[in-house]
Amino acid sequence: MVWTSAGLDKLRVWAGLEVSEVWIWRDGRLTVRGLDGGQYHATEQSRVFPELDVALLAQFVTRTGQSAPVRAYLAALRRPQP
């Protein structure tokens, strides 16, 4: 995972390296893009982590600290889902 700002077209670089999936955090939203035909396309879920709830994970991305957000995320995973 790379946390970066705009500038160089990194998607093109990663596609050239055949990185199969990238996650992009922009405007408070986490999106997953999968490599297909040499270009990245938005996907509903991660191909690398197919059971990962990306929307749930996104709720914890900007929280401060290190261990508290991880503990909160793990607690959220343990809660029964509707």
PDB file of N, CA and C in Angstrom:
ATOM      1  N   MET A   1       0.848  -1.170   0.000  1.00  0.00           N
ATOM      2  CA  MET A   1       0.000   0.000   0.000  1.00  0.00           C
ATOM      3  C   MET A   1       0.893   1.232   0.000  1.00  0.00           C
ATOM      4  N   VAL A   2       0.543   2.174  -0.830  1.00  0.00           N
ATOM      5  CA  VAL A   2       1.289   3.422  -0.923  1.00  0.00           C
ATOM      6  C   VAL A   2       0.324   4.563  -0.688  1.00  0.00           C
ATOM      7  N   TRP A   3       0.658   5.446   0.209  1.00  0.00           N
ATOM      8  CA  TRP A   3      -0.146   6.645   0.474  1.00  0.00           C
ATOM      9  C   TRP A   3       0.595   7.769  -0.209  1.00  0.00           C
ATOM     10  N   THR A   4       0.005   8.354  -1.229  1.00  0.00           N
ATOM     11  CA  THR A   4       0.714   9.342  -2.022  1.00  0.00           C
ATOM     12  C   THR A   4      -0.219  10.459  -2.453  1.00  0.00           C
ATOM     13  N   SER A   5       0.364  11.507  -2.975  1.00  0.00           N
ATOM     14  CA  SER A   5      -0.425  12.621  -3.487  1.00  0.00           C
ATOM     15  C   SER A   5      -0.359  12.629  -5.009  1.00  0.00           C
ATOM     16  N   ALA A   6      -1.092  13.545  -5.593  1.00  0.00           N
ATOM     17  CA  ALA A   6      -1.123  13.640  -7.058  1.00  0.00           C
ATOM     18  C   ALA A   6       0.251  14.020  -7.595  1.00  0.00           C
ATOM     19  N   GLY A   7       0.416  13.892  -8.859  1.00  0.00           N
ATOM     20  CA  GLY A   7       1.690  14.209  -9.499  1.00  0.00           C
ATOM     21  C   GLY A   7       1.874  13.269 -10.670  1.00  0.00           C
ATOM     22  N   LEU A   8       2.935  12.512 -10.625  1.00  0.00           N
ATOM     23  CA  LEU A   8       3.239  11.518 -11.648  1.00  0.00           C
ATOM     24  C   LEU A   8       2.065  10.549 -11.786  1.00  0.00           C
ATOM     25  N   ASP A   9       1.759  10.158 -13.007  1.00  0.00           N
ATOM     26  CA  ASP A   9       0.660   9.215 -13.241  1.00  0.00           C
ATOM     27  C   ASP A   9       1.096   7.832 -12.767  1.00  0.00           C
ATOM     28  N   LYS A  10       0.934   7.608 -11.476  1.00  0.00           N
ATOM     29  CA  LYS A  10       1.396   6.358 -10.870  1.00  0.00           C
ATOM     30  C   LYS A  10       0.592   5.152 -11.349  1.00  0.00           C
ATOM     31  N   LEU A  11      -0.672   5.351 -11.702  1.00  0.00           N
ATOM     32  CA  LEU A  11      -1.456   4.228 -12.213  1.00  0.00           C
ATOM     33  C   LEU A  11      -0.810   3.643 -13.465  1.00  0.00           C
ATOM     34  N   ARG A  12      -0.303   4.485 -14.306  1.00  0.00           N
ATOM     35  CA  ARG A  12       0.364   4.012 -15.524  1.00  0.00           C
ATOM     36  C   ARG A  12       1.629   3.231 -15.160  1.00  0.00           C
ATOM     37  N   VAL A  13       2.366   3.748 -14.191  1.00  0.00           N
ATOM     38  CA  VAL A  13       3.585   3.060 -13.740  1.00  0.00           C
ATOM     39  C   VAL A  13       3.232   1.700 -13.159  1.00  0.00           C
ATOM     40  N   TRP A  14       2.229   1.662 -12.256  1.00  0.00           N
ATOM     41  CA  TRP A  14       1.856   0.398 -11.636  1.00  0.00           C
ATOM     42  C   TRP A  14       1.306  -0.588 -12.659  1.00  0.00           C
ATOM     43  N   ALA A  15       0.565  -0.097 -13.643  1.00  0.00           N
ATOM     44  CA  ALA A  15       0.060  -0.975 -14.702  1.00  0.00           C
ATOM     45  C   ALA A  15       1.223  -1.571 -15.480  1.00  0.00           C
ATOM     46  N   GLY A  16       2.243  -0.750 -15.745  1.00  0.00           N
ATOM     47  CA  GLY A  16       3.430  -1.245 -16.442  1.00  0.00           C
ATOM     48  C   GLY A  16       4.161  -2.314 -15.648  1.00  0.00           C
ATOM     49  N   LEU A  17       4.074  -2.230 -14.328  1.00  0.00           N
ATOM     50  CA  LEU A  17       4.687  -3.237 -13.455  1.00  0.00           C
ATOM     51  C   LEU A  17       3.743  -4.418 -13.199  1.00  0.00           C
ATOM     52  N   GLU A  18       2.557  -4.360 -13.793  1.00  0.00           N
ATOM     53  CA  GLU A  18       1.523  -5.384 -13.670  1.00  0.00           C
ATOM     54  C   GLU A  18       1.067  -5.595 -12.229  1.00  0.00           C
ATOM     55  N   VAL A  19       0.966  -4.483 -11.482  1.00  0.00           N
ATOM     56  CA  VAL A  19       0.388  -4.537 -10.137  1.00  0.00           C
ATOM     57  C   VAL A  19      -1.101  -4.803 -10.326  1.00  0.00           C
ATOM     58  N   SER A  20      -1.588  -5.919  -9.798  1.00  0.00           N
ATOM     59  CA  SER A  20      -2.942  -6.379 -10.122  1.00  0.00           C
ATOM     60  C   SER A  20      -4.061  -5.540  -9.529  1.00  0.00           C
ATOM     61  N   GLU A  21      -3.756  -4.793  -8.446  1.00  0.00           N
ATOM     62  CA  GLU A  21      -4.822  -4.055  -7.792  1.00  0.00           C
ATOM     63  C   GLU A  21      -4.246  -2.843  -7.076  1.00  0.00           C
ATOM     64  N   VAL A  22      -4.965  -1.727  -7.136  1.00  0.00           N
ATOM     65  CA  VAL A  22      -4.593  -0.533  -6.376  1.00  0.00           C
ATOM     66  C   VAL A  22      -5.825  -0.041  -5.636  1.00  0.00           C
ATOM     67  N   TRP A  23      -5.568   0.578  -4.487  1.00  0.00           N
ATOM     68  CA  TRP A  23      -6.630   1.172  -3.683  1.00  0.00           C
ATOM     69  C   TRP A  23      -6.376   2.657  -3.663  1.00  0.00           C
ATOM     70  N   ILE A  24      -7.414   3.424  -3.898  1.00  0.00           N
ATOM     71  CA  ILE A  24      -7.266   4.872  -3.979  1.00  0.00           C
ATOM     72  C   ILE A  24      -8.178   5.536  -2.953  1.00  0.00           C
ATOM     73  N   TRP A  25      -7.586   6.403  -2.145  1.00  0.00           N
ATOM     74  CA  TRP A  25      -8.340   7.198  -1.172  1.00  0.00           C
ATOM     75  C   TRP A  25      -8.421   8.598  -1.736  1.00  0.00           C
ATOM     76  N   ARG A  26      -9.628   9.043  -2.046  1.00  0.00           N
ATOM     77  CA  ARG A  26      -9.817  10.378  -2.602  1.00  0.00           C
ATOM     78  C   ARG A  26     -11.159  10.912  -2.139  1.00  0.00           C
ATOM     79  N   ASP A  27     -11.131  12.154  -1.678  1.00  0.00           N
ATOM     80  CA  ASP A  27     -12.354  12.834  -1.252  1.00  0.00           C
ATOM     81  C   ASP A  27     -13.132  12.022  -0.214  1.00  0.00           C
ATOM     82  N   GLY A  28     -12.400  11.423   0.740  1.00  0.00           N
ATOM     83  CA  GLY A  28     -13.038  10.689   1.814  1.00  0.00           C
ATOM     84  C   GLY A  28     -13.621   9.353   1.424  1.00  0.00           C
ATOM     85  N   ARG A  29     -13.192   8.823   0.297  1.00  0.00           N
ATOM     86  CA  ARG A  29     -13.744   7.552  -0.188  1.00  0.00           C
ATOM     87  C   ARG A  29     -12.616   6.634  -0.637  1.00  0.00           C
ATOM     88  N   LEU A  30     -12.720   5.359  -0.286  1.00  0.00           N
ATOM     89  CA  LEU A  30     -11.746   4.357  -0.680  1.00  0.00           C
ATOM     90  C   LEU A  30     -12.310   3.567  -1.850  1.00  0.00           C
ATOM     91  N   THR A  31     -11.575   3.553  -2.961  1.00  0.00           N
ATOM     92  CA  THR A  31     -12.009   2.763  -4.112  1.00  0.00           C
ATOM     93  C   THR A  31     -10.936   1.743  -4.459  1.00  0.00           C
ATOM     94  N   VAL A  32     -11.381   0.632  -4.988  1.00  0.00           N
ATOM     95  CA  VAL A  32     -10.492  -0.446  -5.398  1.00  0.00           C
ATOM     96  C   VAL A  32     -10.529  -0.511  -6.916  1.00  0.00           C
ATOM     97  N   ARG A  33      -9.348  -0.613  -7.505  1.00  0.00           N
ATOM     98  CA  ARG A  33      -9.258  -0.731  -8.957  1.00  0.00           C
ATOM     99  C   ARG A  33      -8.418  -1.944  -9.306  1.00  0.00           C
ATOM    100  N   GLY A  34      -8.947  -2.753 -10.206  1.00  0.00           N
ATOM    101  CA  GLY A  34      -8.252  -3.955 -10.647  1.00  0.00           C
ATOM    102  C   GLY A  34      -7.705  -3.767 -12.048  1.00  0.00           C
ATOM    103  N   LEU A  35      -6.551  -4.361 -12.291  1.00  0.00           N
ATOM    104  CA  LEU A  35      -5.901  -4.271 -13.595  1.00  0.00           C
ATOM    105  C   LEU A  35      -6.564  -5.253 -14.555  1.00  0.00           C
ATOM    106  N   ASP A  36      -6.999  -4.740 -15.691  1.00  0.00           N
ATOM    107  CA  ASP A  36      -7.643  -5.563 -16.708  1.00  0.00           C
ATOM    108  C   ASP A  36      -7.307  -4.978 -18.069  1.00  0.00           C
ATOM    109  N   GLY A  37      -6.660  -5.745 -18.904  1.00  0.00           N
ATOM    110  CA  GLY A  37      -6.301  -5.260 -20.226  1.00  0.00           C
ATOM    111  C   GLY A  37      -5.321  -4.097 -20.198  1.00  0.00           C
ATOM    112  N   GLY A  38      -4.459  -4.067 -19.184  1.00  0.00           N
ATOM    113  CA  GLY A  38      -3.459  -3.015 -19.093  1.00  0.00           C
ATOM    114  C   GLY A  38      -3.945  -1.713 -18.496  1.00  0.00           C
ATOM    115  N   GLN A  39      -5.219  -1.672 -18.066  1.00  0.00           N
ATOM    116  CA  GLN A  39      -5.770  -0.471 -17.448  1.00  0.00           C
ATOM    117  C   GLN A  39      -6.521  -0.845 -16.174  1.00  0.00           C
ATOM    118  N   TYR A  40      -6.622   0.140 -15.272  1.00  0.00           N
ATOM    119  CA  TYR A  40      -7.333  -0.084 -14.023  1.00  0.00           C
ATOM    120  C   TYR A  40      -8.796   0.310 -14.162  1.00  0.00           C
ATOM    121  N   HIS A  41      -9.649  -0.543 -13.605  1.00  0.00           N
ATOM    122  CA  HIS A  41     -11.087  -0.308 -13.620  1.00  0.00           C
ATOM    123  C   HIS A  41     -11.619  -0.482 -12.200  1.00  0.00           C
ATOM    124  N   ALA A  42     -12.570   0.365 -11.810  1.00  0.00           N
ATOM    125  CA  ALA A  42     -13.165   0.273 -10.483  1.00  0.00           C
ATOM    126  C   ALA A  42     -13.842  -1.082 -10.311  1.00  0.00           C
ATOM    127  N   THR A  43     -13.678  -1.670  -9.128  1.00  0.00           N
ATOM    128  CA  THR A  43     -14.319  -2.940  -8.806  1.00  0.00           C
ATOM    129  C   THR A  43     -15.084  -2.777  -7.498  1.00  0.00           C
ATOM    130  N   GLU A  44     -16.077  -3.597  -7.302  1.00  0.00           N
ATOM    131  CA  GLU A  44     -16.890  -3.533  -6.091  1.00  0.00           C
ATOM    132  C   GLU A  44     -16.126  -4.033  -4.874  1.00  0.00           C
ATOM    133  N   GLN A  45     -15.236  -4.979  -5.094  1.00  0.00           N
ATOM    134  CA  GLN A  45     -14.483  -5.546  -3.977  1.00  0.00           C
ATOM    135  C   GLN A  45     -13.083  -5.893  -4.437  1.00  0.00           C
ATOM    136  N   SER A  46     -12.236  -6.161  -3.474  1.00  0.00           N
ATOM    137  CA  SER A  46     -10.852  -6.510  -3.749  1.00  0.00           C
ATOM    138  C   SER A  46     -10.775  -7.915  -4.333  1.00  0.00           C
ATOM    139  N   ARG A  47      -9.969  -8.080  -5.363  1.00  0.00           N
ATOM    140  CA  ARG A  47      -9.702  -9.416  -5.894  1.00  0.00           C
ATOM    141  C   ARG A  47      -8.677 -10.124  -5.016  1.00  0.00           C
ATOM    142  N   VAL A  48      -7.803  -9.335  -4.406  1.00  0.00           N
ATOM    143  CA  VAL A  48      -6.757  -9.889  -3.550  1.00  0.00           C
ATOM    144  C   VAL A  48      -7.335 -10.335  -2.203  1.00  0.00           C
ATOM    145  N   PHE A  49      -8.266  -9.543  -1.674  1.00  0.00           N
ATOM    146  CA  PHE A  49      -8.933  -9.838  -0.411  1.00  0.00           C
ATOM    147  C   PHE A  49     -10.439  -9.862  -0.656  1.00  0.00           C
ATOM    148  N   PRO A  50     -10.968 -10.898  -1.297  1.00  0.00           N
ATOM    149  CA  PRO A  50     -12.369 -10.892  -1.734  1.00  0.00           C
ATOM    150  C   PRO A  50     -13.396 -10.797  -0.606  1.00  0.00           C
ATOM    151  N   GLU A  51     -13.045 -11.188   0.597  1.00  0.00           N
ATOM    152  CA  GLU A  51     -14.014 -11.130   1.697  1.00  0.00           C
ATOM    153  C   GLU A  51     -13.895  -9.848   2.509  1.00  0.00           C
ATOM    154  N   LEU A  52     -13.000  -8.954   2.137  1.00  0.00           N
ATOM    155  CA  LEU A  52     -12.797  -7.703   2.856  1.00  0.00           C
ATOM    156  C   LEU A  52     -13.934  -6.731   2.567  1.00  0.00           C
ATOM    157  N   ASP A  53     -14.504  -6.169   3.614  1.00  0.00           N
ATOM    158  CA  ASP A  53     -15.538  -5.149   3.482  1.00  0.00           C
ATOM    159  C   ASP A  53     -14.823  -3.802   3.350  1.00  0.00           C
ATOM    160  N   VAL A  54     -14.639  -3.345   2.137  1.00  0.00           N
ATOM    161  CA  VAL A  54     -13.877  -2.124   1.856  1.00  0.00           C
ATOM    162  C   VAL A  54     -14.545  -0.903   2.490  1.00  0.00           C
ATOM    163  N   ALA A  55     -15.860  -0.844   2.444  1.00  0.00           N
ATOM    164  CA  ALA A  55     -16.580   0.294   3.028  1.00  0.00           C
ATOM    165  C   ALA A  55     -16.364   0.360   4.540  1.00  0.00           C
ATOM    166  N   LEU A  56     -16.363  -0.789   5.202  1.00  0.00           N
ATOM    167  CA  LEU A  56     -16.114  -0.816   6.641  1.00  0.00           C
ATOM    168  C   LEU A  56     -14.687  -0.367   6.938  1.00  0.00           C
ATOM    169  N   LEU A  57     -13.733  -0.892   6.216  1.00  0.00           N
ATOM    170  CA  LEU A  57     -12.338  -0.514   6.409  1.00  0.00           C
ATOM    171  C   LEU A  57     -12.140   0.985   6.225  1.00  0.00           C
ATOM    172  N   ALA A  58     -12.806   1.558   5.246  1.00  0.00           N
ATOM    173  CA  ALA A  58     -12.660   2.987   4.947  1.00  0.00           C
ATOM    174  C   ALA A  58     -13.052   3.864   6.130  1.00  0.00           C
ATOM    175  N   GLN A  59     -13.931   3.385   6.986  1.00  0.00           N
ATOM    176  CA  GLN A  59     -14.356   4.163   8.155  1.00  0.00           C
ATOM    177  C   GLN A  59     -13.215   4.401   9.136  1.00  0.00           C
ATOM    178  N   PHE A  60     -12.144   3.623   9.034  1.00  0.00           N
ATOM    179  CA  PHE A  60     -11.053   3.693   9.998  1.00  0.00           C
ATOM    180  C   PHE A  60      -9.762   4.269   9.408  1.00  0.00           C
ATOM    181  N   VAL A  61      -9.753   4.607   8.142  1.00  0.00           N
ATOM    182  CA  VAL A  61      -8.533   5.047   7.458  1.00  0.00           C
ATOM    183  C   VAL A  61      -7.958   6.324   8.035  1.00  0.00           C
ATOM    184  N   THR A  62      -8.779   7.285   8.348  1.00  0.00           N
ATOM    185  CA  THR A  62      -8.259   8.592   8.763  1.00  0.00           C
ATOM    186  C   THR A  62      -8.202   8.781  10.278  1.00  0.00           C
ATOM    187  N   ARG A  63      -8.506   7.766  11.029  1.00  0.00           N
ATOM    188  CA  ARG A  63      -8.438   7.903  12.485  1.00  0.00           C
ATOM    189  C   ARG A  63      -6.987   8.072  12.917  1.00  0.00           C
ATOM    190  N   THR A  64      -6.791   8.862  13.944  1.00  0.00           N
ATOM    191  CA  THR A  64      -5.432   9.119  14.411  1.00  0.00           C
ATOM    192  C   THR A  64      -4.957   8.018  15.341  1.00  0.00           C
ATOM    193  N   GLY A  65      -3.652   7.937  15.452  1.00  0.00           N
ATOM    194  CA  GLY A  65      -3.039   6.904  16.273  1.00  0.00           C
ATOM    195  C   GLY A  65      -2.805   5.657  15.457  1.00  0.00           C
ATOM    196  N   GLN A  66      -2.258   4.651  16.116  1.00  0.00           N
ATOM    197  CA  GLN A  66      -1.995   3.398  15.425  1.00  0.00           C
ATOM    198  C   GLN A  66      -2.814   2.251  15.985  1.00  0.00           C
ATOM    199  N   SER A  67      -2.703   2.023  17.272  1.00  0.00           N
ATOM    200  CA  SER A  67      -3.370   0.846  17.830  1.00  0.00           C
ATOM    201  C   SER A  67      -4.873   1.041  18.042  1.00  0.00           C
ATOM    202  N   ALA A  68      -5.301   2.241  18.398  1.00  0.00           N
ATOM    203  CA  ALA A  68      -6.735   2.464  18.651  1.00  0.00           C
ATOM    204  C   ALA A  68      -7.587   2.211  17.402  1.00  0.00           C
ATOM    205  N   PRO A  69      -7.210   2.724  16.220  1.00  0.00           N
ATOM    206  CA  PRO A  69      -8.018   2.428  15.037  1.00  0.00           C
ATOM    207  C   PRO A  69      -8.024   0.938  14.685  1.00  0.00           C
ATOM    208  N   VAL A  70      -6.915   0.273  14.891  1.00  0.00           N
ATOM    209  CA  VAL A  70      -6.855  -1.165  14.600  1.00  0.00           C
ATOM    210  C   VAL A  70      -7.785  -1.920  15.546  1.00  0.00           C
ATOM    211  N   ARG A  71      -7.739  -1.579  16.832  1.00  0.00           N
ATOM    212  CA  ARG A  71      -8.629  -2.236  17.796  1.00  0.00           C
ATOM    213  C   ARG A  71     -10.098  -1.968  17.460  1.00  0.00           C
ATOM    214  N   ALA A  72     -10.405  -0.744  17.084  1.00  0.00           N
ATOM    215  CA  ALA A  72     -11.789  -0.399  16.725  1.00  0.00           C
ATOM    216  C   ALA A  72     -12.244  -1.162  15.482  1.00  0.00           C
ATOM    217  N   TYR A  73     -11.370  -1.289  14.504  1.00  0.00           N
ATOM    218  CA  TYR A  73     -11.696  -2.032  13.283  1.00  0.00           C
ATOM    219  C   TYR A  73     -11.934  -3.512  13.611  1.00  0.00           C
ATOM    220  N   LEU A  74     -11.063  -4.085  14.421  1.00  0.00           N
ATOM    221  CA  LEU A  74     -11.230  -5.489  14.799  1.00  0.00           C
ATOM    222  C   LEU A  74     -12.526  -5.700  15.573  1.00  0.00           C
ATOM    223  N   ALA A  75     -12.872  -4.762  16.441  1.00  0.00           N
ATOM    224  CA  ALA A  75     -14.138  -4.855  17.171  1.00  0.00           C
ATOM    225  C   ALA A  75     -15.324  -4.793  16.203  1.00  0.00           C
ATOM    226  N   ALA A  76     -15.227  -3.948  15.204  1.00  0.00           N
ATOM    227  CA  ALA A  76     -16.300  -3.842  14.206  1.00  0.00           C
ATOM    228  C   ALA A  76     -16.439  -5.142  13.420  1.00  0.00           C
ATOM    229  N   LEU A  77     -15.327  -5.805  13.154  1.00  0.00           N
ATOM    230  CA  LEU A  77     -15.387  -7.087  12.437  1.00  0.00           C
ATOM    231  C   LEU A  77     -16.075  -8.163  13.264  1.00  0.00           C
ATOM    232  N   ARG A  78     -15.942  -8.074  14.579  1.00  0.00           N
ATOM    233  CA  ARG A  78     -16.529  -9.098  15.461  1.00  0.00           C
ATOM    234  C   ARG A  78     -18.026  -8.905  15.657  1.00  0.00           C
ATOM    235  N   ARG A  79     -18.526  -7.693  15.395  1.00  0.00           N
ATOM    236  CA  ARG A  79     -19.962  -7.444  15.571  1.00  0.00           C
ATOM    237  C   ARG A  79     -20.771  -8.244  14.558  1.00  0.00           C
ATOM    238  N   PRO A  80     -21.892  -8.789  14.993  1.00  0.00           N
ATOM    239  CA  PRO A  80     -22.758  -9.509  14.043  1.00  0.00           C
ATOM    240  C   PRO A  80     -23.242  -8.560  12.935  1.00  0.00           C
ATOM    241  N   GLN A  81     -23.211  -9.042  11.720  1.00  0.00           N
ATOM    242  CA  GLN A  81     -23.669  -8.247  10.575  1.00  0.00           C
ATOM    243  C   GLN A  81     -25.141  -8.541  10.304  1.00  0.00           C
ATOM    244  N   PRO A  82     -25.895  -7.499   9.927  1.00  0.00           N
ATOM    245  CA  PRO A  82     -27.343  -7.707   9.657  1.00  0.00           C
ATOM    246  C   PRO A  82     -27.570  -8.541   8.417  1.00  0.00           C
TER     247      PRO A  82
END
